[in-house]
C-alpha cells in the first residue's frame, strides 16, 4: 500500500517521457496530460485519507531501512501541498489547451510541465535532504525550458538571469549539504533532527542552518527576490500561473521542514532572522505592488507579499500559526494561479499591460469581471473566502507569541493587496470600453473553464474550511511536534 506514495512523482515523469514521442499529435498530448493529472489528483486524495487512518507513511527504496536509504515520506502537510499543486497544474493545462498555441505545444510544452510537477511533488514527499536537492533540480531544469519557451529576446534575457541565480543557489545548497554531512554523517531529515536533538545545535550547525536559509530564501522569494519579477512576467500565461503558484511554495516548504524539523533549537537566531526577512519582504512587496503600473508587475509583487506573510507564521512558530500557514499555502497556490490566469487573459483581450490603458472589460465579459472580483476578495482575506481562515489563525499565533510588529506588517499588507487589485478592477473593468464590437476577441473556452474551477476551489476552501480542518490540524501538529515525524520515519517496524 505504501507504494502509492511515489505515484505523484513517478507517473508525471513516465507520462512526460511518453509525450516526447507524441510531439506532433497535439490532441493526444492534451488528452494524455489531462488523464494523467486526474489520476495524480485522485491518488493524492486517496493518500491523504490513508494518512488519517494509518498515520505518517513512508516507502524505503531498494529495501534499505532508514537512515541508510533514500525514502519518501507522506504526512498531511506534504500531501496537502501535493494535492493542491496537482490541482493547479491540471487547471493551468486546461487553460493552456485553448491559449498556448500549437507552436508552443510542439516545443514539448506538456512534457516539461509534467517534469516540473514531478520535481515539485518529489520535493514535497522526499525524506532525504540530498534527494530534496535532486527534486529541486528536476523542477528547475523544467522551469528553465518553460521560462524561455518561445525564444523571444526578452525571454532569453530573463531566462539567463533566472538560470544563473538558481545555479548559484544550487551550488550553495551543495556546500551546505557537504558541511551538514561532514558534521552529522547523515542526510535523512528525521535522522538529522534526532542527532541535532541529542547533541545540541552547536554554532557550526547554526551557521549551516543559516546557509540553508539563504538557499531556500533565494528559491522561495524571501527577501532575495530580485530575480522574480522579470522571470514571472515573460513566459506564456499558463507558465506564469504555474510559476506563481508552485515555485516559491517549494522554497517555503523547504524552510518549514528545515526549521521545524532539523534545526529548531536556536530560534532566537534562526527564527528571528526569518522574522526579519519576512517583515522586509512584506514591506518590499507592498512598495512594488503600490507603485506598479502594469498588471503583471502588480501581480508579481503580490506573490512576494504572500511569501513574507506565510513565513511570518514560521517565525512565530506556534501551532495555531502553523495551521494558518498550511491553510494559507493552499489558498495562495490556488489564488495566485487564478490571479495570473486572469491577468494574462486581460492582456490577451486588450493587447495592453498598463492598468490605465484597460477599461470597460466587464461590459463585454461580465462573468470574467466578477470572477476577478471574487479572486480579489479571496486574496485580501474577506470572509467566507479561502484567505480568511489562514489570516485569522496566523494573527492568533502572532498574538499568542506577542509578535505585534509582524502582526501589524502582515495585516497591514492586506490593505496594499486590496488597493493594488482594486485599482486593476476599477480601472480595467469599469468605465467606457475601448474595445469595439468588431475588435472583440472571443473568450477562450478552456480559459473560462479553468477560471470557474479555480473559483469553485477558492470559495469551497473558505466555506468548507471545517471539512479541511482535520487534515490541516494534523499537518500543524506534525510541524509543531517533530518527534511525531521522527518516530514515523525511524521506526523500522513501520
Protein backbone atom coordinates (compact mmCIF):
# COMPACT_ATOMS: atom_id res chain seq x y z
CA UNK A 1 0.00 0.00 0.00
CA UNK A 2 2.88 2.40 0.75
CA UNK A 3 3.91 2.24 -2.91
CA UNK A 4 1.17 4.78 -3.62
CA UNK A 5 3.45 7.47 -2.11
CA UNK A 6 5.72 7.52 -5.14
CA UNK A 7 2.95 7.80 -7.75
CA UNK A 8 2.51 11.64 -7.66
CA UNK A 9 6.13 11.91 -8.81
CA UNK A 10 6.73 8.84 -10.96
CA UNK A 11 3.51 8.97 -13.02
CA UNK A 12 4.16 12.51 -14.38
CA UNK A 13 7.76 11.50 -15.23
CA UNK A 14 6.65 8.41 -17.16
CA UNK A 15 3.92 10.35 -18.95
CA UNK A 16 6.31 13.20 -19.82
CA UNK A 17 8.77 10.73 -21.35
CA UNK A 18 5.93 9.19 -23.37
CA UNK A 19 4.70 12.59 -24.60
CA UNK A 20 8.12 13.38 -26.06
CA UNK A 21 7.37 10.74 -28.71
CA UNK A 22 3.89 12.17 -29.37
CA UNK A 23 5.17 15.62 -30.20
CA UNK A 24 3.20 16.06 -33.43
CA UNK A 25 -0.10 14.71 -32.10
CA UNK A 26 -1.37 17.71 -30.16
CA UNK A 27 -4.83 16.34 -29.33
CA UNK A 28 -3.41 13.11 -27.94
CA UNK A 29 -0.90 15.08 -25.86
CA UNK A 30 -3.75 17.09 -24.34
CA UNK A 31 -5.83 14.01 -23.53
CA UNK A 32 -2.93 12.07 -22.02
CA UNK A 33 -1.81 15.09 -19.95
CA UNK A 34 -5.31 15.68 -18.59
CA UNK A 35 -5.89 12.00 -17.77
CA UNK A 36 -2.52 11.91 -16.00
CA UNK A 37 -3.42 14.92 -13.89
CA UNK A 38 -6.82 13.46 -12.95
CA UNK A 39 -5.03 10.27 -11.87
CA UNK A 40 -2.45 12.18 -9.79
CA UNK A 41 -5.17 14.26 -8.10
CA UNK A 42 -7.16 11.11 -7.30
CA UNK A 43 -4.04 9.39 -5.95
CA UNK A 44 -3.30 12.38 -3.72
CA UNK A 45 -6.83 12.31 -2.28
CA UNK A 46 -6.52 8.58 -1.52
CA UNK A 47 -3.10 9.12 0.07
CA UNK A 48 -4.45 11.94 2.25
CA UNK A 49 -7.21 9.64 3.52
CA UNK A 50 -4.77 6.80 4.20
CA UNK A 51 -2.64 9.08 6.37
CA UNK A 52 -5.65 9.78 8.59
CA UNK A 53 -6.22 6.06 9.17
CA UNK A 54 -2.65 4.68 9.14
CA UNK A 55 -0.57 7.66 10.26
CA UNK A 56 2.50 9.06 8.51
CA UNK A 57 3.53 6.73 5.68
CA UNK A 58 6.91 6.07 4.08
CA UNK A 59 8.43 3.99 1.31
CA UNK A 60 12.04 2.78 1.53
CA UNK A 61 13.60 2.42 -1.90
CA UNK A 62 15.58 -0.76 -2.62
CA UNK A 63 14.68 -2.15 0.79
CA UNK A 64 17.23 -0.01 2.64
CA UNK A 65 15.75 0.91 6.04
CA UNK A 66 16.24 4.48 7.27
CA UNK A 67 18.52 6.25 7.82
CA UNK A 68 20.67 4.43 5.24
CA UNK A 69 18.47 4.53 2.16
CA UNK A 70 16.52 7.02 0.09
CA UNK A 71 12.90 7.28 1.13
CA UNK A 72 9.69 9.20 0.51
CA UNK A 73 7.56 10.27 3.47
CA UNK A 74 3.90 11.27 3.26
CA UNK A 75 2.36 13.28 6.06
CA UNK A 76 -0.65 15.59 5.95
CA UNK A 77 1.47 18.69 5.29
CA UNK A 78 3.30 17.30 2.27
CA UNK A 79 0.27 15.55 0.74
CA UNK A 80 -1.98 18.61 1.08
CA UNK A 81 0.59 20.53 -0.96
CA UNK A 82 0.95 17.68 -3.46
CA UNK A 83 -2.83 17.66 -3.94
CA UNK A 84 -3.01 21.43 -4.36
CA UNK A 85 -0.04 21.53 -6.76
CA UNK A 86 -1.62 18.79 -8.87
CA UNK A 87 -4.97 20.59 -8.99
CA UNK A 88 -3.31 23.86 -10.01
CA UNK A 89 -1.33 22.10 -12.74
CA UNK A 90 -4.48 20.45 -14.07
CA UNK A 91 -6.34 23.78 -14.23
CA UNK A 92 -3.37 25.50 -15.91
CA UNK A 93 -3.25 22.73 -18.51
CA UNK A 94 -6.96 23.21 -19.22
CA UNK A 95 -6.26 26.93 -19.70
CA UNK A 96 -3.30 26.15 -21.97
CA UNK A 97 -5.35 23.87 -24.25
CA UNK A 98 -7.10 26.89 -25.78
CA UNK A 99 -4.47 29.61 -25.32
CA UNK A 100 -0.89 28.33 -25.52
CA UNK A 101 -0.89 27.82 -29.30
CA UNK A 102 0.25 24.93 -31.46
CA UNK A 103 3.75 26.37 -31.86
CA UNK A 104 4.42 26.11 -28.12
CA UNK A 105 2.66 22.77 -27.86
CA UNK A 106 5.08 21.34 -30.42
CA UNK A 107 8.01 22.68 -28.36
CA UNK A 108 7.43 19.99 -25.71
CA UNK A 109 5.26 22.20 -23.51
CA UNK A 110 3.28 19.32 -21.96
CA UNK A 111 6.28 17.07 -21.15
CA UNK A 112 8.09 19.90 -19.40
CA UNK A 113 5.02 20.90 -17.38
CA UNK A 114 4.77 17.31 -16.16
CA UNK A 115 8.51 17.21 -15.39
CA UNK A 116 8.02 20.45 -13.41
CA UNK A 117 5.18 18.88 -11.41
CA UNK A 118 7.25 15.74 -10.80
CA UNK A 119 10.02 17.86 -9.29
CA UNK A 120 7.56 19.82 -7.16
CA UNK A 121 5.79 16.71 -5.84
CA UNK A 122 9.11 14.94 -5.26
CA UNK A 123 10.32 17.92 -3.22
CA UNK A 124 7.22 17.74 -1.04
CA UNK A 125 7.47 13.98 -0.48
CA UNK A 126 11.17 13.26 -0.05
CA UNK A 127 12.51 12.42 3.40
CA UNK A 128 16.15 12.86 2.41
CA UNK A 129 17.69 16.32 2.11
CA UNK A 130 20.04 15.34 -0.75
CA UNK A 131 17.06 13.95 -2.62
CA UNK A 132 15.38 17.32 -1.97
CA UNK A 133 18.27 18.86 -3.89
CA UNK A 134 17.73 16.37 -6.73
CA UNK A 135 13.99 17.10 -6.92
CA UNK A 136 14.72 20.83 -6.84
CA UNK A 137 16.97 20.36 -9.87
CA UNK A 138 14.32 18.34 -11.76
CA UNK A 139 11.85 21.16 -11.12
CA UNK A 140 14.37 23.85 -12.07
CA UNK A 141 15.53 22.15 -15.27
CA UNK A 142 11.94 22.03 -16.46
CA UNK A 143 11.39 25.65 -15.43
CA UNK A 144 14.50 26.75 -17.37
CA UNK A 145 12.87 25.47 -20.54
CA UNK A 146 9.43 26.86 -19.74
CA UNK A 147 10.69 30.36 -18.90
CA UNK A 148 12.43 30.52 -22.31
CA UNK A 149 9.54 28.92 -24.21
CA UNK A 150 9.01 30.79 -27.47
CA UNK A 151 12.59 32.02 -27.77
CA UNK A 152 11.87 35.78 -27.74
CA UNK A 153 14.70 38.19 -26.93
CA UNK A 154 13.25 39.27 -23.59
CA UNK A 155 12.57 35.66 -22.62
CA UNK A 156 16.15 34.64 -23.37
CA UNK A 157 17.46 37.60 -21.35
CA UNK A 158 15.32 36.79 -18.32
CA UNK A 159 15.98 33.06 -18.62
CA UNK A 160 19.75 33.66 -18.45
CA UNK A 161 19.30 35.67 -15.25
CA UNK A 162 16.93 33.04 -13.84
CA UNK A 163 19.35 30.18 -14.64
CA UNK A 164 22.37 31.99 -13.17
CA UNK A 165 20.60 32.80 -9.90
CA UNK A 166 19.40 29.24 -9.45
CA UNK A 167 22.78 27.73 -10.37
CA UNK A 168 24.41 29.86 -7.67
CA UNK A 169 21.70 28.85 -5.18
CA UNK A 170 22.18 25.17 -6.08
CA UNK A 171 25.94 25.48 -5.58
CA UNK A 172 25.40 26.99 -2.13
CA UNK A 173 22.91 24.19 -1.41
CA UNK A 174 25.61 21.57 -2.20
CA UNK A 175 28.14 23.34 0.02
CA UNK A 176 25.63 23.35 2.89
CA UNK A 177 24.92 19.64 2.31
CA UNK A 178 28.65 18.86 2.43
CA UNK A 179 29.08 20.65 5.76
CA UNK A 180 25.93 19.02 7.13
CA UNK A 181 27.02 15.51 6.16
CA UNK A 182 30.56 16.13 7.40
CA UNK A 183 29.16 17.12 10.79
CA UNK A 184 26.30 14.66 11.31
CA UNK A 185 27.18 11.82 8.88
CA UNK A 186 23.58 11.57 7.66
CA UNK A 187 21.27 13.20 5.14
CA UNK A 188 17.99 11.64 6.28
CA UNK A 189 15.95 14.59 7.58
CA UNK A 190 14.45 12.69 10.52
CA UNK A 191 17.86 11.30 11.46
CA UNK A 192 19.38 14.80 11.23
CA UNK A 193 16.67 16.05 13.58
CA UNK A 194 17.34 13.18 16.01
CA UNK A 195 21.10 13.80 16.07
CA UNK A 196 20.69 17.55 16.48
CA UNK A 197 18.28 16.93 19.38
CA UNK A 198 20.74 14.51 21.03
CA UNK A 199 23.95 16.51 20.57
CA UNK A 200 22.52 20.02 20.55
CA UNK A 201 22.65 22.67 17.84
CA UNK A 202 26.19 23.98 18.15
CA UNK A 203 27.39 27.18 16.41
CA UNK A 204 28.60 25.27 13.33
CA UNK A 205 25.17 23.68 12.82
CA UNK A 206 23.51 27.05 13.33
CA UNK A 207 25.72 28.52 10.60
CA UNK A 208 24.78 25.59 8.32
CA UNK A 209 21.12 26.27 9.12
CA UNK A 210 21.59 29.93 8.13
CA UNK A 211 23.19 28.85 4.85
CA UNK A 212 20.13 26.71 4.15
CA UNK A 213 18.03 29.78 4.98
CA UNK A 214 19.87 31.76 2.27
CA UNK A 215 19.42 28.94 -0.26
CA UNK A 216 15.71 28.48 0.33
CA UNK A 217 15.17 32.23 0.59
CA UNK A 218 16.60 32.59 -2.93
CA UNK A 219 14.40 29.80 -4.24
CA UNK A 220 11.31 30.89 -2.31
CA UNK A 221 11.50 34.65 -2.92
CA UNK A 222 12.09 35.53 0.75
CA UNK A 223 13.74 38.98 0.62
CA UNK A 224 16.18 37.74 -2.10
CA UNK A 225 13.53 38.07 -4.81
CA UNK A 226 15.26 40.40 -7.29
CA UNK A 227 15.14 37.68 -9.99
CA UNK A 228 11.43 37.02 -9.60
CA UNK A 229 9.55 39.92 -11.30
CA UNK A 230 11.26 39.51 -14.66
CA UNK A 231 11.20 35.71 -14.70
CA UNK A 232 7.49 35.59 -13.86
CA UNK A 233 6.40 38.12 -16.49
CA UNK A 234 7.91 36.79 -19.74
CA UNK A 235 6.65 33.19 -20.22
CA UNK A 236 3.18 32.33 -21.60
CA UNK A 237 0.31 32.97 -19.18
CA UNK A 238 -0.19 29.31 -18.22
CA UNK A 239 3.50 29.07 -17.31
CA UNK A 240 3.35 32.32 -15.32
CA UNK A 241 0.47 30.89 -13.30
CA UNK A 242 2.36 27.65 -12.65
CA UNK A 243 5.46 29.54 -11.53
CA UNK A 244 3.48 31.88 -9.25
CA UNK A 245 1.55 29.01 -7.67
CA UNK A 246 4.30 26.40 -7.31
CA UNK A 247 7.92 27.54 -7.43
CA UNK A 248 8.07 29.84 -4.41
CA UNK A 249 5.95 27.36 -2.43
CA UNK A 250 8.60 24.65 -2.79
CA UNK A 251 11.16 27.01 -1.26
CA UNK A 252 8.77 27.85 1.57
CA UNK A 253 8.03 24.16 2.16
CA UNK A 254 11.78 23.52 2.48
CA UNK A 255 12.05 26.35 5.01
CA UNK A 256 9.23 24.89 7.11
CA UNK A 257 10.81 21.42 7.06
CA UNK A 258 14.27 22.76 7.85
CA UNK A 259 13.36 24.98 10.78
CA UNK A 260 10.58 22.96 12.38
CA UNK A 261 12.25 19.55 12.00
CA UNK A 262 16.03 19.71 11.57
CA UNK A 263 17.14 22.99 13.16
CA UNK A 264 14.55 24.12 15.72
CA UNK A 265 16.86 24.57 18.72
CA UNK A 266 18.19 28.10 18.20
CA UNK A 267 15.02 30.06 17.42
CA UNK A 268 16.47 33.24 18.89
CA UNK A 269 18.86 33.21 15.91
CA UNK A 270 17.23 31.31 13.06
CA UNK A 271 13.58 32.22 13.62
CA UNK A 272 14.48 35.83 14.40
CA UNK A 273 16.33 36.00 11.06
CA UNK A 274 13.30 34.51 9.31
CA UNK A 275 11.02 37.03 11.02
CA UNK A 276 13.20 39.98 9.98
CA UNK A 277 13.43 38.71 6.40
CA UNK A 278 9.67 38.06 6.28
CA UNK A 279 8.91 41.58 7.52
CA UNK A 280 11.27 43.18 5.00
CA UNK A 281 9.82 41.02 2.22
CA UNK A 282 6.31 42.23 3.05
CA UNK A 283 7.47 45.86 3.02
CA UNK A 284 9.31 45.48 -0.30
CA UNK A 285 6.39 43.60 -1.85
CA UNK A 286 3.95 46.29 -0.73
CA UNK A 287 6.13 49.02 -2.21
CA UNK A 288 6.28 47.19 -5.54
CA UNK A 289 2.53 46.46 -5.64
CA UNK A 290 1.70 50.04 -4.63
CA UNK A 291 3.90 51.66 -7.26
CA UNK A 292 3.39 49.15 -10.08
CA UNK A 293 1.86 50.47 -13.27
CA UNK A 294 1.38 47.30 -15.29
CA UNK A 295 -0.79 44.38 -14.29
CA UNK A 296 1.97 41.75 -14.40
CA UNK A 297 4.26 43.72 -12.09
CA UNK A 298 1.44 44.24 -9.60
CA UNK A 299 0.58 40.53 -9.67
CA UNK A 300 4.23 39.54 -9.19
CA UNK A 301 4.68 41.77 -6.15
CA UNK A 302 1.52 40.28 -4.68
CA UNK A 303 3.33 36.91 -4.84
CA UNK A 304 6.21 38.45 -2.89
CA UNK A 305 3.84 39.85 -0.24
CA UNK A 306 2.32 36.41 0.28
CA UNK A 307 5.79 34.83 0.71
CA UNK A 308 6.51 37.21 3.58
CA UNK A 309 3.05 36.72 5.06
CA UNK A 310 3.30 32.92 5.16
CA UNK A 311 6.80 32.93 6.62
CA UNK A 312 5.66 35.21 9.43
CA UNK A 313 3.92 32.06 10.71
CA UNK A 314 7.22 30.13 10.64
CA UNK A 315 8.96 32.91 12.56
CA UNK A 316 6.18 32.87 15.18
CA UNK A 317 6.25 29.09 15.48
CA UNK A 318 3.04 28.41 17.45
CA UNK A 319 0.74 25.56 16.45
CA UNK A 320 -2.11 27.91 15.53
CA UNK A 321 0.29 29.91 13.32
CA UNK A 322 1.38 26.66 11.65
CA UNK A 323 -2.25 25.74 10.97
CA UNK A 324 -2.77 29.20 9.49
CA UNK A 325 0.32 28.79 7.30
CA UNK A 326 -0.95 25.46 5.92
CA UNK A 327 -4.39 26.93 5.16
CA UNK A 328 -2.80 29.99 3.60
CA UNK A 329 -0.33 28.00 1.50
CA UNK A 330 -3.20 26.02 -0.05
CA UNK A 331 -5.22 29.20 -0.57
CA UNK A 332 -2.29 31.09 -2.05
CA UNK A 333 -1.41 28.37 -4.55
CA UNK A 334 -4.97 28.41 -5.88
CA UNK A 335 -5.43 32.17 -5.62
CA UNK A 336 -2.16 33.15 -7.31
CA UNK A 337 -2.77 30.71 -10.14
CA UNK A 338 -6.18 32.30 -10.73
CA UNK A 339 -4.73 35.83 -10.45
CA UNK A 340 -2.09 35.21 -13.12
CA UNK A 341 -4.51 33.43 -15.44
CA UNK A 342 -6.97 36.33 -15.18
CA UNK A 343 -4.24 38.94 -15.63
CA UNK A 344 -2.83 37.12 -18.66
CA UNK A 345 -6.28 36.90 -20.21
CA UNK A 346 -6.81 40.63 -19.68
CA UNK A 347 -3.61 41.26 -21.62
CA UNK A 348 -4.76 38.86 -24.34
CA UNK A 349 -8.16 40.55 -24.68
CA UNK A 350 -6.92 44.16 -24.66
CA UNK A 351 -3.38 43.95 -26.01
CA UNK A 352 -2.32 46.21 -23.12
CA UNK A 353 -0.40 45.65 -19.88
CA UNK A 354 -0.62 49.14 -18.35
CA UNK A 355 -3.57 49.43 -15.95
CA UNK A 356 -4.77 52.85 -17.12
CA UNK A 357 -4.93 51.68 -20.74
CA UNK A 358 -7.51 48.98 -19.97
CA UNK A 359 -11.15 49.79 -19.35
CA UNK A 360 -14.71 48.59 -19.73
CA UNK A 361 -13.98 44.86 -19.77
CA UNK A 362 -16.94 44.00 -17.56
CA UNK A 363 -19.37 45.34 -20.18
CA UNK A 364 -18.16 42.79 -22.71
CA UNK A 365 -17.10 39.94 -20.40
CA UNK A 366 -19.31 40.25 -17.29
CA UNK A 367 -18.63 36.77 -15.83
CA UNK A 368 -14.91 37.30 -16.30
CA UNK A 369 -15.12 40.58 -14.37
CA UNK A 370 -16.98 39.13 -11.41
CA UNK A 371 -14.62 36.15 -11.21
CA UNK A 372 -11.79 38.70 -10.87
CA UNK A 373 -13.75 40.37 -8.06
CA UNK A 374 -14.18 37.07 -6.18
CA UNK A 375 -10.48 36.32 -6.58
CA UNK A 376 -9.59 39.78 -5.27
CA UNK A 377 -11.78 39.33 -2.18
CA UNK A 378 -10.20 35.92 -1.51
CA UNK A 379 -6.63 37.25 -1.73
CA UNK A 380 -7.49 40.14 0.59
CA UNK A 381 -8.97 37.68 3.10
CA UNK A 382 -12.64 38.70 3.09
CA UNK A 383 -14.84 36.01 4.72
CA UNK A 384 -16.02 33.44 3.92
CA UNK A 385 -13.47 33.02 1.11
CA UNK A 386 -10.27 30.99 1.32
CA UNK A 387 -7.83 33.64 2.55
CA UNK A 388 -9.79 34.47 5.69
CA UNK A 389 -9.14 31.37 7.84
CA UNK A 390 -5.39 31.36 7.25
CA UNK A 391 -5.05 35.04 8.10
CA UNK A 392 -7.08 34.70 11.29
CA UNK A 393 -5.01 31.73 12.51
CA UNK A 394 -1.68 33.41 11.72
CA UNK A 395 -2.95 36.52 13.51
CA UNK A 396 -3.96 34.39 16.50
CA UNK A 397 -0.48 32.85 16.58
CA UNK A 398 1.14 36.30 16.43
CA UNK A 399 -0.94 37.48 19.39
CA UNK A 400 -0.05 34.33 21.37
CA UNK A 401 3.65 34.92 20.68
CA UNK A 402 3.31 38.69 21.27
CA UNK A 403 4.85 39.33 17.84
CA UNK A 404 2.94 42.56 17.34
CA UNK A 405 5.31 44.12 14.78
CA UNK A 406 4.99 41.11 12.50
CA UNK A 407 1.24 41.11 13.12
CA UNK A 408 0.99 44.76 12.07
CA UNK A 409 3.11 44.23 8.94
CA UNK A 410 1.22 41.09 7.92
CA UNK A 411 -2.24 42.56 8.27
CA UNK A 412 -1.19 45.97 7.01
CA UNK A 413 -0.12 44.27 3.79
CA UNK A 414 -3.75 43.27 3.21
CA UNK A 415 -4.57 46.94 2.68
CA UNK A 416 -1.92 47.20 -0.04
CA UNK A 417 -3.14 43.96 -1.66
CA UNK A 418 -6.67 45.37 -1.67
CA UNK A 419 -5.51 48.71 -3.07
CA UNK A 420 -3.40 47.18 -5.85
CA UNK A 421 -6.03 44.69 -7.02
CA UNK A 422 -8.91 47.12 -6.61
CA UNK A 423 -7.00 49.60 -8.77
CA UNK A 424 -6.85 46.98 -11.53
CA UNK A 425 -10.51 46.05 -11.07
CA UNK A 426 -11.87 49.61 -11.16
CA UNK A 427 -9.60 50.84 -13.97
CA UNK A 428 -9.77 47.80 -16.21
CA UNK A 429 -13.30 46.55 -15.82
CA UNK A 430 -15.33 49.75 -15.43
CA UNK A 431 -15.69 52.91 -17.50
CA UNK A 432 -16.23 53.21 -21.23
CA UNK A 433 -14.82 50.25 -23.09
CA UNK A 434 -12.10 50.85 -25.66
CA UNK A 435 -12.89 47.58 -27.46
CA UNK A 436 -15.16 47.85 -30.50
CA UNK A 437 -17.63 45.08 -31.26
CA UNK A 438 -15.62 44.32 -34.40
CA UNK A 439 -12.38 44.05 -32.39
CA UNK A 440 -13.89 41.89 -29.65
CA UNK A 441 -11.86 38.75 -29.01
CA UNK A 442 -13.79 35.63 -28.13
CA UNK A 443 -13.04 34.40 -24.61
CA UNK A 444 -11.20 31.05 -24.94
CA UNK A 445 -13.49 28.28 -23.72
CA UNK A 446 -10.77 26.41 -21.85
CA UNK A 447 -9.75 29.62 -20.11
CA UNK A 448 -13.24 30.20 -18.72
CA UNK A 449 -13.46 26.58 -17.57
CA UNK A 450 -10.19 26.93 -15.65
CA UNK A 451 -11.35 30.24 -14.09
CA UNK A 452 -14.59 28.70 -12.88
CA UNK A 453 -12.91 25.59 -11.47
CA UNK A 454 -10.31 27.63 -9.59
CA UNK A 455 -13.00 29.98 -8.26
CA UNK A 456 -15.04 26.99 -7.04
CA UNK A 457 -11.94 25.73 -5.20
CA UNK A 458 -11.32 29.14 -3.61
CA UNK A 459 -14.92 29.51 -2.45
CA UNK A 460 -15.08 25.86 -1.36
CA UNK A 461 -11.84 26.18 0.62
CA UNK A 462 -13.36 29.03 2.60
CA UNK A 463 -16.91 27.75 3.00
CA UNK A 464 -15.72 24.17 3.58
CA UNK A 465 -12.84 25.05 5.90
CA UNK A 466 -14.32 22.89 8.66
CA UNK A 467 -14.10 19.79 6.45
CA UNK A 468 -10.45 20.52 5.69
CA UNK A 469 -9.62 21.29 9.33
CA UNK A 470 -8.83 17.68 10.30
CA UNK A 471 -6.06 17.49 7.68
CA UNK A 472 -4.72 20.99 8.35
CA UNK A 473 -4.68 20.47 12.14
CA UNK A 474 -2.86 17.17 11.67
CA UNK A 475 -0.28 18.91 9.48
CA UNK A 476 0.16 21.71 12.03
CA UNK A 477 0.52 19.19 14.86
CA UNK A 478 3.27 17.33 12.98
CA UNK A 479 5.12 20.58 12.24
CA UNK A 480 4.88 21.70 15.86
CA UNK A 481 5.85 18.28 17.26
CA UNK A 482 8.77 16.96 15.17
CA UNK A 483 9.02 13.82 17.31
CA UNK A 484 5.90 12.54 15.52
CA UNK A 485 7.66 12.75 12.14
CA UNK A 486 10.95 11.37 13.51
CA UNK A 487 9.27 8.33 15.12
CA UNK A 488 7.28 7.57 11.95
CA UNK A 489 10.42 7.65 9.77
CA UNK A 490 12.96 5.94 12.02
CA UNK A 491 10.61 3.24 13.28
CA UNK A 492 11.88 0.38 11.12
CA UNK A 493 8.89 -1.78 12.01
CA UNK A 494 6.50 0.64 10.29
